[in-house]
Amino acid sequence: MNSETDAPPSIPDAKRKAGRPRASGTETQQQRIERLQAELRAAQDALKLAEERRASIVGAAAVRHARKNPEFRRALAAALRVEVKSKADLAAIGDLLIEREAALSPAS
């Protein structure tokens, strides 16, 4: 008998390449933990960047809309007053906050 013909059929290359590459058989449990933790940190960093980019896009669109729409500007200012508490953050967005007296007084 030929050993090549007695061997089980090999797995197609397409199936081997799917998913995360397998670690070598010499990887210790500690090395595997460290590798997986590094992968997790990289995924968390990528998620944070995506969330920051999304917030930046939404924020820029909201500010542009607020400049054109006084009613939306008042609603945005009210929401910002409720949500933003840090003095430094309030100072950074001060131009978006309408004075309460100006928002409450009727237009002349």
Protein backbone atom coordinates (compact mmCIF):
# COMPACT_ATOMS: atom_id res chain seq x y z
CA MET A 1 0.00 0.00 0.00
CA ASN A 2 1.07 3.48 -0.79
CA SER A 3 1.04 5.83 2.23
CA GLU A 4 -0.13 8.74 0.06
CA THR A 5 -3.31 6.93 -0.95
CA ASP A 6 -4.02 5.68 2.60
CA ALA A 7 -3.85 9.17 4.11
CA PRO A 8 -7.13 11.01 4.71
CA PRO A 9 -7.99 13.64 2.14
CA SER A 10 -6.42 16.96 2.98
CA ILE A 11 -8.49 20.00 3.86
CA PRO A 12 -8.90 22.39 0.92
CA ASP A 13 -6.77 25.53 1.12
CA ALA A 14 -9.87 27.76 1.16
CA LYS A 15 -11.03 26.24 4.44
CA ARG A 16 -7.64 26.60 6.08
CA LYS A 17 -7.46 30.34 5.42
CA ALA A 18 -10.84 31.27 6.91
CA GLY A 19 -10.79 33.00 10.30
CA ARG A 20 -7.89 33.94 12.52
CA PRO A 21 -4.69 32.09 11.71
CA ARG A 22 -4.00 29.25 14.10
CA ALA A 23 -1.09 29.59 16.44
CA SER A 24 1.73 27.14 16.18
CA GLY A 25 1.60 24.04 18.35
CA THR A 26 4.43 25.40 20.47
CA GLU A 27 2.41 28.32 21.82
CA THR A 28 2.06 28.08 25.61
CA GLN A 29 -1.15 28.92 27.42
CA GLN A 30 0.44 32.12 28.75
CA GLN A 31 1.54 33.14 25.25
CA ARG A 32 -1.96 32.46 23.96
CA ILE A 33 -3.47 34.61 26.73
CA GLU A 34 -1.05 37.44 25.93
CA ARG A 35 -1.76 37.19 22.20
CA LEU A 36 -5.52 37.21 22.74
CA GLN A 37 -5.25 40.15 25.16
CA ALA A 38 -3.25 42.08 22.57
CA GLU A 39 -5.89 41.29 19.93
CA LEU A 40 -8.60 42.46 22.34
CA ARG A 41 -6.76 45.73 23.03
CA ALA A 42 -6.34 46.32 19.30
CA ALA A 43 -10.05 45.69 18.71
CA GLN A 44 -10.99 48.00 21.59
CA ASP A 45 -8.72 50.73 20.20
CA ALA A 46 -10.28 50.37 16.76
CA LEU A 47 -13.77 50.57 18.28
CA LYS A 48 -12.83 53.70 20.24
CA LEU A 49 -11.49 55.37 17.10
CA ALA A 50 -14.64 54.48 15.18
CA GLU A 51 -16.85 55.87 17.98
CA GLU A 52 -14.80 59.08 18.17
CA ARG A 53 -15.03 59.53 14.39
CA ARG A 54 -18.78 58.94 14.51
CA ALA A 55 -19.21 61.45 17.34
CA SER A 56 -17.14 63.98 15.41
CA ILE A 57 -19.26 63.58 12.28
CA VAL A 58 -22.55 63.81 14.19
CA GLY A 59 -21.31 66.77 16.23
CA ALA A 60 -20.18 68.68 13.16
CA ALA A 61 -23.52 68.07 11.46
CA ALA A 62 -25.43 69.19 14.56
CA VAL A 63 -23.38 72.39 14.85
CA ARG A 64 -23.90 73.20 11.15
CA HIS A 65 -27.64 72.62 11.50
CA ALA A 66 -27.78 74.71 14.69
CA ARG A 67 -26.21 77.66 12.87
CA LYS A 68 -29.01 77.55 10.29
CA ASN A 69 -31.98 76.64 12.48
CA PRO A 70 -32.70 78.77 15.62
CA GLU A 71 -35.23 76.28 17.01
CA PHE A 72 -32.74 73.43 16.75
CA ARG A 73 -30.06 75.69 18.26
CA ARG A 74 -32.26 76.30 21.32
CA ALA A 75 -32.97 72.58 21.70
CA LEU A 76 -29.28 71.74 21.30
CA ALA A 77 -28.30 74.39 23.86
CA ALA A 78 -30.83 72.98 26.34
CA ALA A 79 -29.53 69.44 25.81
CA LEU A 80 -25.93 70.59 26.21
CA ARG A 81 -26.76 72.37 29.48
CA VAL A 82 -28.21 69.13 30.85
CA GLU A 83 -25.48 66.80 29.57
CA VAL A 84 -22.26 68.82 29.85
CA LYS A 85 -21.12 69.49 33.43
CA SER A 86 -17.37 70.07 33.24
CA LYS A 87 -16.40 73.73 33.38
CA ALA A 88 -13.68 73.16 30.80
CA ASP A 89 -16.14 71.46 28.43
CA LEU A 90 -18.73 74.21 28.99
CA ALA A 91 -16.09 76.82 28.16
CA ALA A 92 -15.26 74.96 24.94
CA ILE A 93 -18.89 74.93 23.79
CA GLY A 94 -19.86 78.32 25.17
CA ASP A 95 -20.70 79.71 21.73
CA LEU A 96 -23.36 77.01 21.33
CA LEU A 97 -25.10 77.90 24.57
CA ILE A 98 -27.78 80.54 24.19
CA GLU A 99 -28.25 82.81 27.16
CA ARG A 100 -31.32 81.65 29.09
CA GLU A 101 -32.81 85.14 29.11
CA ALA A 102 -32.41 85.42 25.34
CA ALA A 103 -33.99 82.01 24.79
CA LEU A 104 -36.92 82.77 27.10
CA SER A 105 -37.66 86.32 25.99
CA PRO A 106 -40.00 86.75 23.01
CA ALA A 107 -38.47 88.02 19.81
CA SER A 108 -39.11 91.73 19.18
